[in-house]
Amino acid sequence: MKDILAELEQRRTDARLGGGQKRIDAQHARGKLTARERVELLLDEGSFEEFDMFISHRCTDFGMEANKPAGDGVITGWGTINGRQVYVFSQDFTVLGGSVSATHAQKICKIQDMAIQNGAPIIGLNDSGGARIQEGVDALAGYAEIFQRNIMASGVIPQISVIMGPCAGGAVYSPAMTDFIFMVKDTSYMFVTGPDVVKTVTNEQVTAEELGGASTHTKKSSVADGAFENDVEALAEVRRLVDFLPANNREKPPVRPFFDDPARIENSLDTLIPENANTPYDMKELITKVADEGDFYEIQEEFAKNIITGFLRLEGQTVGVVANQPMVLAGCLDIDSSRKAARFVRFCDAFEIPILTFVDVPGFLPGTSQEFGGVIKHGAKLLFAYGEATVPKVTVITRKAYGGAYDVMASKHLRGDFNYAWPTAEIAVMGAKGATEIIHRADLNDPEKIAAHAKDYETRFANPFVAAERGFIDEVIQPHSTRRRVARAFASLRNKKLQNPWKKHDNIPL
């Protein structure tokens, strides 16, 4: 018996070493943690239960039968984050470059199936050189099996991908179908075809970092939701995100203890809106002053900064926030901001996370590049996302809400539950200057008359009361009481039940 136990321990020790000490040292030299170190940092101490530690590949081509490391380049299992169950897989770059074989994929698929069946989030720590070339189509088949499970899990359990090394070719499509993608600066990259192929086919000279680094995907492509300085920070932020999310689509998000008065008054908000209607202000100030303890977890902070998306808590409960940012493009909606916000709203709706919308939007961004890029269809994505959402929706209009953009931003007409406005709100088809020049075209040559007409238009429409008279605004509220009013609104909506007509699925304007 002792011999068997000793053999078991020896096998475990060998498996834990992955590709060996030399490769582990090389991983550390690149500023990267090993696959096991990442799992230990991500999960609560001592909570990890590993599966398939001794699995090895079945390939016999190209001399592979002589190189069969235990675990086959990926660590899989489950554990807890702040006491809540999650499933995890962590690719081990020290073992055959973390390349995906049939058995490597089989391990990941097993953990995906368990996550779906048991209703717990799945977190993938990606650090792989791609499909294992020696296995050919078997490796590709393994990828497709993973993809299919990503699709089946979508909207059922939260899926989080952390890119912690290279991610190229077919390897990028699995993360692309997950709910959140995080990257590590300088050590991770994602692309369908690498710099060498790009140079061969298009003659473009580009580095891996320029083509698919963290900066590219957080600022330009919107593929990634955030980028962090190193592995440790990335894993800490994933733990923080999981704390906001429900385990699955049949459970509510976790309720956390809070030490902030829901009726807290913020007098500074009474002077947040500048006297000049064209002067910008920082919408994040309002968001943090409404949130419990000022804690706001922003998603896609570096992309489409004219709209803000992220999570906060009110009375300990998770709430998704969408807010126009007047500091960037005057808060206009455009192609990028519409896509960003629409995807976020659909995630919140899929997982029963209530949505809080702060509105200061002068309209859609004009211009040929926007029209040629399909702003009509992209803007419709946000409209569609808000309109189909059945979760509690509370909207606060702080300043401008003009034209179609007023409708799009969670208006009463898109089944908004509580629609509030500050006294500074201006709800109209367009700004006074543009409206006056259309209505009083005959007086265009008389600046004094035009100025007088503009003043009349502002008096009539540049306020929230016309909309309030129609019932499109439920209440005009004092800015300093925003936290209290919003918290009470969500509290009253906790038992909301709303169902859309039966359908196989909708056909959102993609």
Protein backbone atom coordinates (compact mmCIF):
# COMPACT_ATOMS: atom_id res chain seq x y z
CA MET A 1 0.00 0.00 0.00
CA LYS A 2 2.81 2.40 0.88
CA ASP A 3 4.39 1.86 -2.53
CA ILE A 4 1.14 2.75 -4.31
CA LEU A 5 0.71 5.89 -2.19
CA ALA A 6 4.30 6.86 -2.86
CA GLU A 7 3.77 6.36 -6.61
CA LEU A 8 0.63 8.52 -6.48
CA GLU A 9 2.52 11.32 -4.77
CA GLN A 10 5.39 11.04 -7.24
CA ARG A 11 2.97 11.19 -10.20
CA ARG A 12 1.28 14.23 -8.69
CA THR A 13 4.62 15.94 -8.15
CA ASP A 14 5.62 15.28 -11.76
CA ALA A 15 2.26 16.53 -13.05
CA ARG A 16 2.48 19.72 -10.99
CA LEU A 17 5.86 20.49 -12.56
CA GLY A 18 4.22 20.75 -15.98
CA GLY A 19 6.93 21.20 -18.61
CA GLY A 20 9.71 21.08 -16.02
CA GLN A 21 11.62 23.57 -13.89
CA LYS A 22 13.58 25.01 -16.82
CA ARG A 23 10.39 26.00 -18.67
CA ILE A 24 8.82 27.30 -15.46
CA ASP A 25 11.86 29.56 -15.00
CA ALA A 26 11.48 30.77 -18.60
CA GLN A 27 7.79 31.56 -17.92
CA HIS A 28 8.76 33.58 -14.85
CA ALA A 29 11.48 35.37 -16.82
CA ARG A 30 8.80 36.66 -19.20
CA GLY A 31 6.96 38.21 -16.25
CA LYS A 32 4.28 35.51 -16.33
CA LEU A 33 2.99 33.18 -13.64
CA THR A 34 2.62 29.45 -14.28
CA ALA A 35 -0.80 27.94 -14.92
CA ARG A 36 -0.98 26.54 -11.38
CA GLU A 37 0.13 29.76 -9.74
CA ARG A 38 -2.63 31.56 -11.60
CA VAL A 39 -5.30 29.12 -10.40
CA GLU A 40 -4.06 29.43 -6.80
CA LEU A 41 -4.22 33.25 -6.99
CA LEU A 42 -7.64 33.30 -8.62
CA LEU A 43 -9.39 30.94 -6.23
CA ASP A 44 -9.86 30.99 -2.46
CA GLU A 45 -6.93 29.38 -0.69
CA GLY A 46 -7.20 25.60 -0.54
CA SER A 47 -10.48 25.47 -2.49
CA PHE A 48 -9.22 24.08 -5.82
CA GLU A 49 -10.36 20.57 -6.77
CA GLU A 50 -8.53 19.36 -9.85
CA PHE A 51 -9.81 17.03 -12.56
CA ASP A 52 -7.88 14.88 -15.04
CA MET A 53 -4.42 15.56 -13.64
CA PHE A 54 -2.99 12.44 -15.31
CA ILE A 55 -4.60 12.66 -18.74
CA SER A 56 -2.17 12.49 -21.66
CA HIS A 57 -2.55 12.81 -25.43
CA ARG A 58 -3.04 9.89 -27.80
CA CYS A 59 -0.99 11.16 -30.73
CA THR A 60 1.65 8.80 -32.17
CA ASP A 61 2.76 10.87 -35.18
CA PHE A 62 6.01 12.87 -35.43
CA GLY A 63 7.52 11.08 -32.43
CA MET A 64 4.84 12.38 -30.06
CA GLU A 65 4.45 8.97 -28.38
CA ALA A 66 7.76 9.65 -26.61
CA ASN A 67 6.52 12.95 -25.14
CA LYS A 68 3.32 12.45 -23.15
CA PRO A 69 3.26 14.91 -20.22
CA ALA A 70 0.59 14.40 -17.59
CA GLY A 71 -2.29 16.86 -17.84
CA ASP A 72 -1.62 17.57 -21.53
CA GLY A 73 -1.07 21.31 -21.16
CA VAL A 74 -4.19 22.43 -19.30
CA ILE A 75 -5.25 22.43 -15.64
CA THR A 76 -8.98 22.05 -15.01
CA GLY A 77 -11.21 21.90 -11.97
CA TRP A 78 -13.42 23.93 -9.67
CA GLY A 79 -13.02 26.04 -6.58
CA THR A 80 -14.52 29.09 -4.93
CA ILE A 81 -14.17 32.87 -5.18
CA ASN A 82 -15.23 34.48 -1.91
CA GLY A 83 -17.06 31.26 -1.09
CA ARG A 84 -18.99 31.00 -4.37
CA GLN A 85 -18.38 28.09 -6.75
CA VAL A 86 -16.66 28.65 -10.09
CA TYR A 87 -15.12 26.33 -12.69
CA VAL A 88 -11.74 27.11 -14.17
CA PHE A 89 -9.31 25.95 -16.80
CA SER A 90 -5.76 27.27 -17.06
CA GLN A 91 -3.59 26.53 -20.09
CA ASP A 92 0.02 25.64 -19.30
CA PHE A 93 2.45 27.22 -21.76
CA THR A 94 5.32 25.17 -20.29
CA VAL A 95 3.75 21.98 -21.70
CA LEU A 96 4.07 21.89 -25.48
CA GLY A 97 3.40 25.65 -25.60
CA GLY A 98 -0.08 25.11 -24.13
CA SER A 99 -1.15 23.86 -27.56
CA VAL A 100 -4.62 22.36 -27.88
CA SER A 101 -4.84 18.64 -28.64
CA ALA A 102 -7.90 16.39 -28.71
CA THR A 103 -7.43 15.43 -25.05
CA HIS A 104 -6.59 19.02 -24.00
CA ALA A 105 -9.92 20.09 -25.56
CA GLN A 106 -11.67 17.11 -23.96
CA LYS A 107 -10.59 18.34 -20.51
CA ILE A 108 -11.91 21.85 -21.18
CA CYS A 109 -15.21 20.50 -22.59
CA LYS A 110 -15.70 18.35 -19.49
CA ILE A 111 -15.35 21.38 -17.23
CA GLN A 112 -17.66 23.46 -19.47
CA ASP A 113 -20.33 20.74 -19.28
CA MET A 114 -20.06 20.60 -15.50
CA ALA A 115 -20.31 24.39 -15.21
CA ILE A 116 -23.50 24.43 -17.31
CA GLN A 117 -25.07 21.47 -15.46
CA ASN A 118 -24.25 22.85 -12.01
CA GLY A 119 -25.01 26.49 -12.82
CA ALA A 120 -21.69 28.12 -11.97
CA PRO A 121 -19.49 30.64 -13.82
CA ILE A 122 -16.56 29.38 -15.88
CA ILE A 123 -13.24 31.23 -16.11
CA GLY A 124 -10.68 30.43 -18.79
CA LEU A 125 -7.04 31.44 -18.33
CA ASN A 126 -5.71 31.37 -21.88
CA ASP A 127 -1.99 30.95 -22.60
CA SER A 128 -1.66 28.77 -25.68
CA GLY A 129 0.26 28.58 -28.92
CA GLY A 130 -2.89 27.41 -30.70
CA ALA A 131 -3.86 24.06 -32.21
CA ARG A 132 -1.28 21.28 -31.86
CA ILE A 133 0.03 20.92 -35.39
CA GLN A 134 1.07 17.28 -34.88
CA GLU A 135 -2.59 16.31 -34.31
CA GLY A 136 -4.01 18.04 -37.37
CA VAL A 137 -7.78 17.84 -37.70
CA ASP A 138 -8.18 16.20 -34.25
CA ALA A 139 -7.01 19.47 -32.68
CA LEU A 140 -9.39 21.48 -34.87
CA ALA A 141 -12.26 19.18 -33.90
CA GLY A 142 -11.40 19.77 -30.25
CA TYR A 143 -11.59 23.53 -30.76
CA ALA A 144 -15.01 23.24 -32.38
CA GLU A 145 -16.28 21.17 -29.43
CA ILE A 146 -15.19 23.99 -27.10
CA PHE A 147 -16.87 26.60 -29.35
CA GLN A 148 -20.17 24.71 -29.31
CA ARG A 149 -20.19 24.68 -25.53
CA ASN A 150 -19.40 28.41 -25.41
CA ILE A 151 -22.52 28.95 -27.49
CA MET A 152 -24.70 26.67 -25.33
CA ALA A 153 -23.43 28.36 -22.15
CA SER A 154 -24.08 31.88 -23.45
CA GLY A 155 -26.76 33.56 -21.35
CA VAL A 156 -26.89 30.53 -19.03
CA ILE A 157 -23.73 31.01 -16.95
CA PRO A 158 -21.24 33.90 -16.90
CA GLN A 159 -18.18 33.10 -19.02
CA ILE A 160 -14.96 35.02 -18.40
CA SER A 161 -11.75 34.80 -20.45
CA VAL A 162 -8.37 36.07 -19.32
CA ILE A 163 -5.76 36.27 -22.08
CA MET A 164 -2.42 35.71 -20.33
CA GLY A 165 -0.19 34.87 -23.26
CA PRO A 166 -0.47 34.29 -27.01
CA CYS A 167 -3.93 33.59 -28.41
CA ALA A 168 -3.91 33.13 -32.18
CA GLY A 169 -5.90 31.54 -34.98
CA GLY A 170 -8.84 29.39 -33.86
CA ALA A 171 -7.89 30.03 -30.23
CA VAL A 172 -9.38 33.54 -30.32
CA TYR A 173 -12.92 32.46 -31.15
CA SER A 174 -13.66 30.78 -27.84
CA PRO A 175 -12.80 33.91 -25.80
CA ALA A 176 -14.68 36.05 -28.36
CA MET A 177 -17.91 34.22 -27.49
CA THR A 178 -17.53 34.67 -23.74
CA ASP A 179 -19.07 37.53 -21.78
CA PHE A 180 -15.90 39.29 -20.65
CA ILE A 181 -12.34 39.26 -21.97
CA PHE A 182 -9.41 40.65 -19.99
CA MET A 183 -5.82 40.94 -21.16
CA VAL A 184 -2.41 41.47 -19.55
CA LYS A 185 -0.34 44.34 -20.91
CA ASP A 186 2.87 43.44 -22.77
CA THR A 187 2.53 39.65 -22.32
CA SER A 188 -0.75 38.80 -24.07
CA TYR A 189 -2.06 39.23 -27.58
CA MET A 190 -4.93 38.02 -29.77
CA PHE A 191 -5.20 37.82 -33.54
CA VAL A 192 -6.68 35.56 -36.21
CA THR A 193 -3.50 35.73 -38.33
CA GLY A 194 -0.09 36.68 -36.96
CA PRO A 195 2.34 39.36 -38.15
CA ASP A 196 4.24 36.95 -40.43
CA VAL A 197 1.10 35.91 -42.31
CA VAL A 198 -0.04 39.54 -42.55
CA LYS A 199 3.32 40.48 -44.09
CA THR A 200 3.18 37.59 -46.57
CA VAL A 201 -0.40 38.24 -47.71
CA THR A 202 -0.78 42.04 -47.52
CA ASN A 203 2.85 43.21 -47.29
CA GLU A 204 2.04 45.15 -44.11
CA GLN A 205 4.79 45.41 -41.49
CA VAL A 206 3.27 45.11 -38.01
CA THR A 207 4.42 43.83 -34.62
CA ALA A 208 2.45 41.32 -32.54
CA GLU A 209 1.76 44.08 -29.99
CA GLU A 210 0.44 46.50 -32.62
CA LEU A 211 -1.63 43.81 -34.31
CA GLY A 212 -3.25 42.23 -31.29
CA GLY A 213 -1.87 43.58 -28.02
CA ALA A 214 -3.86 44.78 -25.04
CA SER A 215 -3.83 48.42 -26.15
CA THR A 216 -5.17 47.51 -29.61
CA HIS A 217 -8.04 45.42 -28.27
CA THR A 218 -9.12 47.73 -25.46
CA LYS A 219 -8.93 51.00 -27.41
CA LYS A 220 -9.49 50.18 -31.10
CA SER A 221 -11.21 46.86 -31.72
CA SER A 222 -13.29 46.56 -28.49
CA VAL A 223 -12.47 42.82 -28.41
CA ALA A 224 -11.20 43.10 -24.81
CA ASP A 225 -13.07 44.63 -21.86
CA GLY A 226 -10.01 45.61 -19.86
CA ALA A 227 -6.22 45.31 -19.63
CA PHE A 228 -4.09 45.05 -16.52
CA GLU A 229 -0.42 45.55 -15.69
CA ASN A 230 0.41 41.96 -14.74
CA ASP A 231 -1.04 38.52 -14.00
CA VAL A 232 -1.61 39.28 -10.32
CA GLU A 233 -3.67 42.42 -10.97
CA ALA A 234 -5.68 40.72 -13.73
CA LEU A 235 -6.66 37.80 -11.47
CA ALA A 236 -7.55 40.13 -8.58
CA GLU A 237 -9.84 42.12 -10.88
CA VAL A 238 -11.52 38.92 -12.13
CA ARG A 239 -12.27 38.01 -8.50
CA ARG A 240 -13.79 41.47 -8.06
CA LEU A 241 -15.95 41.10 -11.18
CA VAL A 242 -17.25 37.65 -10.16
CA ASP A 243 -18.49 39.25 -6.92
CA PHE A 244 -20.95 41.36 -8.95
CA LEU A 245 -22.34 38.48 -11.05
CA PRO A 246 -24.97 35.81 -10.39
CA ALA A 247 -23.90 32.15 -10.60
CA ASN A 248 -26.32 31.52 -13.48
CA ASN A 249 -29.40 32.88 -15.24
CA ARG A 250 -31.82 31.39 -12.69
CA GLU A 251 -30.25 33.07 -9.69
CA LYS A 252 -30.12 36.66 -8.58
CA PRO A 253 -26.73 38.39 -8.23
CA PRO A 254 -25.20 38.10 -4.74
CA VAL A 255 -26.21 40.64 -2.11
CA ARG A 256 -23.21 42.04 -0.26
CA PRO A 257 -23.11 43.78 3.14
CA PHE A 258 -23.11 47.56 2.71
CA PHE A 259 -22.24 50.38 5.07
CA ASP A 260 -23.69 53.31 3.15
CA ASP A 261 -27.02 55.01 3.92
CA PRO A 262 -29.44 54.42 0.99
CA ALA A 263 -30.97 57.82 1.77
CA ARG A 264 -27.59 59.59 1.68
CA ILE A 265 -27.90 63.16 0.36
CA GLU A 266 -25.20 64.45 -2.01
CA ASN A 267 -25.52 68.24 -2.06
CA SER A 268 -22.58 68.56 -4.47
CA LEU A 269 -24.77 67.06 -7.22
CA ASP A 270 -26.92 70.21 -7.20
CA THR A 271 -24.02 72.04 -8.85
CA LEU A 272 -22.78 69.21 -11.10
CA ILE A 273 -24.49 70.62 -14.23
CA PRO A 274 -22.65 73.76 -15.48
CA GLU A 275 -24.53 77.01 -16.12
CA ASN A 276 -23.54 76.89 -19.80
CA ALA A 277 -25.42 74.05 -21.50
CA ASN A 278 -22.44 73.38 -23.78
CA THR A 279 -19.90 72.97 -20.96
CA PRO A 280 -18.98 69.35 -20.26
CA TYR A 281 -18.87 67.68 -16.84
CA ASP A 282 -17.75 64.24 -15.67
CA MET A 283 -20.65 61.76 -15.49
CA LYS A 284 -18.47 59.37 -13.45
CA GLU A 285 -18.82 61.79 -10.52
CA LEU A 286 -22.57 61.15 -10.48
CA ILE A 287 -22.11 57.37 -10.83
CA THR A 288 -19.67 57.07 -7.91
CA LYS A 289 -21.77 59.36 -5.70
CA VAL A 290 -24.85 57.20 -6.25
CA ALA A 291 -23.04 53.85 -5.71
CA ASP A 292 -22.63 52.12 -2.36
CA GLU A 293 -19.28 53.26 -0.92
CA GLY A 294 -18.49 54.91 -4.29
CA ASP A 295 -17.53 51.49 -5.71
CA PHE A 296 -17.88 51.32 -9.51
CA TYR A 297 -16.50 48.51 -11.69
CA GLU A 298 -16.16 49.90 -15.21
CA ILE A 299 -16.32 47.68 -18.29
CA GLN A 300 -14.53 48.69 -21.55
CA GLU A 301 -13.21 51.87 -19.97
CA GLU A 302 -10.78 52.59 -22.84
CA PHE A 303 -13.21 52.08 -25.74
CA ALA A 304 -15.98 54.45 -26.89
CA LYS A 305 -15.47 56.75 -23.91
CA ASN A 306 -18.54 58.78 -24.86
CA ILE A 307 -20.57 56.11 -23.08
CA ILE A 308 -19.85 54.50 -19.71
CA THR A 309 -20.78 50.93 -18.80
CA GLY A 310 -20.14 48.98 -15.62
CA PHE A 311 -21.45 47.65 -12.31
CA LEU A 312 -22.20 49.24 -8.98
CA ARG A 313 -24.20 48.22 -5.94
CA LEU A 314 -27.26 49.84 -4.41
CA GLU A 315 -28.22 48.56 -0.95
CA GLY A 316 -25.75 45.72 -1.57
CA GLN A 317 -27.45 44.63 -4.81
CA THR A 318 -25.72 44.58 -8.21
CA VAL A 319 -26.93 47.14 -10.76
CA GLY A 320 -25.66 47.62 -14.31
CA VAL A 321 -24.97 51.24 -15.30
CA VAL A 322 -25.10 52.82 -18.76
CA ALA A 323 -24.34 56.54 -18.90
CA ASN A 324 -23.55 59.14 -21.56
CA GLN A 325 -20.24 60.92 -20.92
CA PRO A 326 -20.42 64.64 -21.86
CA MET A 327 -16.61 64.88 -21.55
CA VAL A 328 -16.18 62.91 -24.82
CA LEU A 329 -17.91 63.88 -28.11
CA ALA A 330 -20.39 65.84 -25.95
CA GLY A 331 -21.95 62.48 -25.01
CA CYS A 332 -23.21 61.81 -28.55
CA LEU A 333 -24.11 58.26 -29.47
CA ASP A 334 -22.13 56.79 -32.36
CA ILE A 335 -21.39 53.37 -33.85
CA ASP A 336 -18.89 52.29 -31.20
CA SER A 337 -20.81 53.52 -28.17
CA SER A 338 -24.04 51.94 -29.42
CA ARG A 339 -22.37 48.55 -29.86
CA LYS A 340 -20.62 48.77 -26.51
CA ALA A 341 -23.76 49.69 -24.58
CA ALA A 342 -26.04 47.26 -26.45
CA ARG A 343 -23.88 44.26 -25.59
CA PHE A 344 -23.69 45.35 -21.96
CA VAL A 345 -27.48 45.83 -21.70
CA ARG A 346 -28.08 42.37 -23.21
CA PHE A 347 -25.66 40.80 -20.70
CA CYS A 348 -27.49 42.47 -17.80
CA ASP A 349 -30.87 41.36 -19.11
CA ALA A 350 -29.68 37.76 -19.63
CA PHE A 351 -28.55 37.54 -16.00
CA GLU A 352 -31.36 39.48 -14.28
CA ILE A 353 -29.18 42.46 -13.39
CA PRO A 354 -31.26 45.68 -13.11
CA ILE A 355 -30.17 48.56 -15.36
CA LEU A 356 -29.62 52.18 -14.30
CA THR A 357 -29.29 54.71 -17.13
CA PHE A 358 -27.97 58.26 -16.79
CA VAL A 359 -28.82 60.37 -19.83
CA ASP A 360 -27.14 63.45 -21.25
CA VAL A 361 -27.23 62.94 -25.00
CA PRO A 362 -27.50 65.65 -27.68
CA GLY A 363 -28.17 63.05 -30.39
CA PHE A 364 -26.33 60.71 -32.73
CA LEU A 365 -22.95 61.80 -34.05
CA PRO A 366 -23.38 63.26 -37.58
CA GLY A 367 -21.01 62.66 -40.48
CA THR A 368 -20.33 60.57 -43.55
CA SER A 369 -18.06 58.12 -41.71
CA GLN A 370 -20.88 57.33 -39.30
CA GLU A 371 -23.52 56.93 -42.01
CA PHE A 372 -21.23 54.87 -44.27
CA GLY A 373 -20.31 52.73 -41.24
CA GLY A 374 -23.96 51.88 -40.62
CA VAL A 375 -24.79 54.03 -37.60
CA ILE A 376 -28.49 53.42 -38.31
CA LYS A 377 -28.14 49.69 -37.76
CA HIS A 378 -25.64 49.98 -34.91
CA GLY A 379 -27.80 52.57 -33.14
CA ALA A 380 -30.74 50.20 -33.56
CA LYS A 381 -28.80 47.56 -31.59
CA LEU A 382 -28.95 49.73 -28.48
CA LEU A 383 -32.59 50.58 -29.10
CA PHE A 384 -33.37 46.87 -29.53
CA ALA A 385 -31.39 45.85 -26.44
CA TYR A 386 -33.22 48.30 -24.17
CA GLY A 387 -36.61 47.51 -25.69
CA GLU A 388 -36.32 43.74 -25.24
CA ALA A 389 -34.89 43.93 -21.71
CA THR A 390 -37.36 42.77 -19.04
CA VAL A 391 -35.22 43.55 -15.98
CA PRO A 392 -35.96 46.58 -13.78
CA LYS A 393 -34.96 49.76 -15.64
CA VAL A 394 -34.49 53.13 -13.95
CA THR A 395 -33.51 56.19 -15.99
CA VAL A 396 -32.33 59.61 -14.84
CA ILE A 397 -32.07 62.43 -17.42
CA THR A 398 -29.55 64.94 -16.12
CA ARG A 399 -29.35 67.41 -19.01
CA LYS A 400 -29.89 66.92 -22.75
CA ALA A 401 -32.12 64.22 -24.19
CA TYR A 402 -32.62 65.19 -27.82
CA GLY A 403 -34.25 63.47 -30.78
CA GLY A 404 -34.11 59.75 -31.39
CA ALA A 405 -31.30 59.46 -28.85
CA TYR A 406 -33.84 60.37 -26.13
CA ASP A 407 -35.95 57.39 -27.20
CA VAL A 408 -32.98 55.04 -27.39
CA MET A 409 -31.63 55.74 -23.90
CA ALA A 410 -34.12 53.66 -21.88
CA SER A 411 -37.05 56.04 -22.32
CA LYS A 412 -40.51 55.42 -20.86
CA HIS A 413 -41.59 54.30 -24.34
CA LEU A 414 -39.10 51.38 -24.20
CA ARG A 415 -40.76 50.08 -21.04
CA GLY A 416 -38.68 52.09 -18.59
CA ASP A 417 -40.05 51.45 -15.09
CA PHE A 418 -38.97 54.68 -13.40
CA ASN A 419 -38.00 57.65 -15.55
CA TYR A 420 -36.72 60.57 -13.56
CA ALA A 421 -35.37 63.95 -14.69
CA TRP A 422 -33.35 66.59 -12.97
CA PRO A 423 -34.70 70.19 -13.18
CA THR A 424 -31.81 70.87 -15.60
CA ALA A 425 -33.10 68.29 -18.10
CA GLU A 426 -33.90 69.41 -21.66
CA ILE A 427 -36.13 66.96 -23.51
CA ALA A 428 -36.81 68.03 -27.11
CA VAL A 429 -36.53 66.98 -30.73
CA MET A 430 -33.33 69.03 -31.07
CA GLY A 431 -31.42 71.96 -29.59
CA ALA A 432 -32.98 75.43 -29.63
CA LYS A 433 -30.65 76.83 -32.32
CA GLY A 434 -31.31 74.06 -34.85
CA ALA A 435 -35.02 73.99 -34.14
CA THR A 436 -35.38 77.77 -34.50
CA GLU A 437 -33.55 77.83 -37.83
CA ILE A 438 -36.02 75.25 -39.19
CA ILE A 439 -39.23 76.63 -37.70
CA HIS A 440 -38.43 80.27 -38.43
CA ARG A 441 -36.50 79.91 -41.67
CA ALA A 442 -37.99 83.15 -42.97
CA ASP A 443 -36.24 85.11 -40.22
CA LEU A 444 -32.77 83.67 -40.80
CA ASN A 445 -31.43 87.04 -41.99
CA ASP A 446 -32.52 88.78 -38.79
CA PRO A 447 -30.21 87.71 -35.92
CA GLU A 448 -32.29 89.52 -33.30
CA LYS A 449 -35.50 87.74 -34.28
CA ILE A 450 -33.71 84.37 -34.42
CA ALA A 451 -32.27 84.99 -30.94
CA ALA A 452 -35.72 85.84 -29.62
CA HIS A 453 -37.25 82.73 -31.22
CA ALA A 454 -34.46 80.58 -29.76
CA LYS A 455 -35.15 82.04 -26.32
CA ASP A 456 -38.85 81.24 -26.68
CA TYR A 457 -38.03 77.67 -27.77
CA GLU A 458 -35.74 77.18 -24.78
CA THR A 459 -38.40 78.50 -22.40
CA ARG A 460 -40.96 76.14 -23.90
CA PHE A 461 -38.90 72.97 -24.35
CA ALA A 462 -35.52 73.22 -22.58
CA ASN A 463 -36.95 71.77 -19.37
CA PRO A 464 -38.38 68.46 -18.16
CA PHE A 465 -41.90 69.69 -17.48
CA VAL A 466 -43.47 69.19 -20.92
CA ALA A 467 -42.46 65.50 -20.78
CA ALA A 468 -43.63 65.30 -17.17
CA GLU A 469 -47.01 66.75 -18.18
CA ARG A 470 -47.37 63.91 -20.69
CA GLY A 471 -46.37 61.25 -18.14
CA PHE A 472 -43.17 60.38 -20.02
CA ILE A 473 -41.21 61.49 -16.95
CA ASP A 474 -42.49 60.03 -13.67
CA GLU A 475 -41.00 62.70 -11.45
CA VAL A 476 -38.68 65.69 -11.62
CA ILE A 477 -36.24 65.08 -8.76
CA GLN A 478 -33.66 67.11 -6.88
CA PRO A 479 -30.13 66.11 -7.95
CA HIS A 480 -28.98 65.73 -4.33
CA SER A 481 -31.66 63.08 -3.70
CA THR A 482 -30.72 60.91 -6.71
CA ARG A 483 -29.23 58.03 -4.68
CA ARG A 484 -32.27 57.82 -2.42
CA ARG A 485 -34.80 57.97 -5.27
CA VAL A 486 -32.95 55.45 -7.42
CA ALA A 487 -32.39 53.04 -4.50
CA ARG A 488 -36.08 53.17 -3.57
CA ALA A 489 -37.09 52.68 -7.20
CA PHE A 490 -35.01 49.50 -7.52
CA ALA A 491 -36.23 48.26 -4.12
CA SER A 492 -39.81 48.57 -5.35
CA LEU A 493 -38.99 46.60 -8.51
CA ARG A 494 -37.38 43.54 -6.90
CA ASN A 495 -40.41 41.35 -7.63
CA LYS A 496 -40.94 42.68 -11.17
CA LYS A 497 -42.24 40.06 -13.62
CA LEU A 498 -42.35 40.80 -17.34
CA GLN A 499 -42.28 38.35 -20.23
CA ASN A 500 -41.79 38.94 -23.93
CA PRO A 501 -43.90 36.99 -26.47
CA TRP A 502 -42.67 33.42 -27.10
CA LYS A 503 -40.05 33.17 -29.83
CA LYS A 504 -37.23 30.82 -30.72
CA HIS A 505 -34.91 33.82 -30.51
CA ASP A 506 -34.99 37.40 -31.71
CA ASN A 507 -33.24 38.78 -34.77
CA ILE A 508 -31.31 41.73 -33.37
CA PRO A 509 -29.93 43.99 -36.15
CA LEU A 510 -26.37 42.64 -36.17
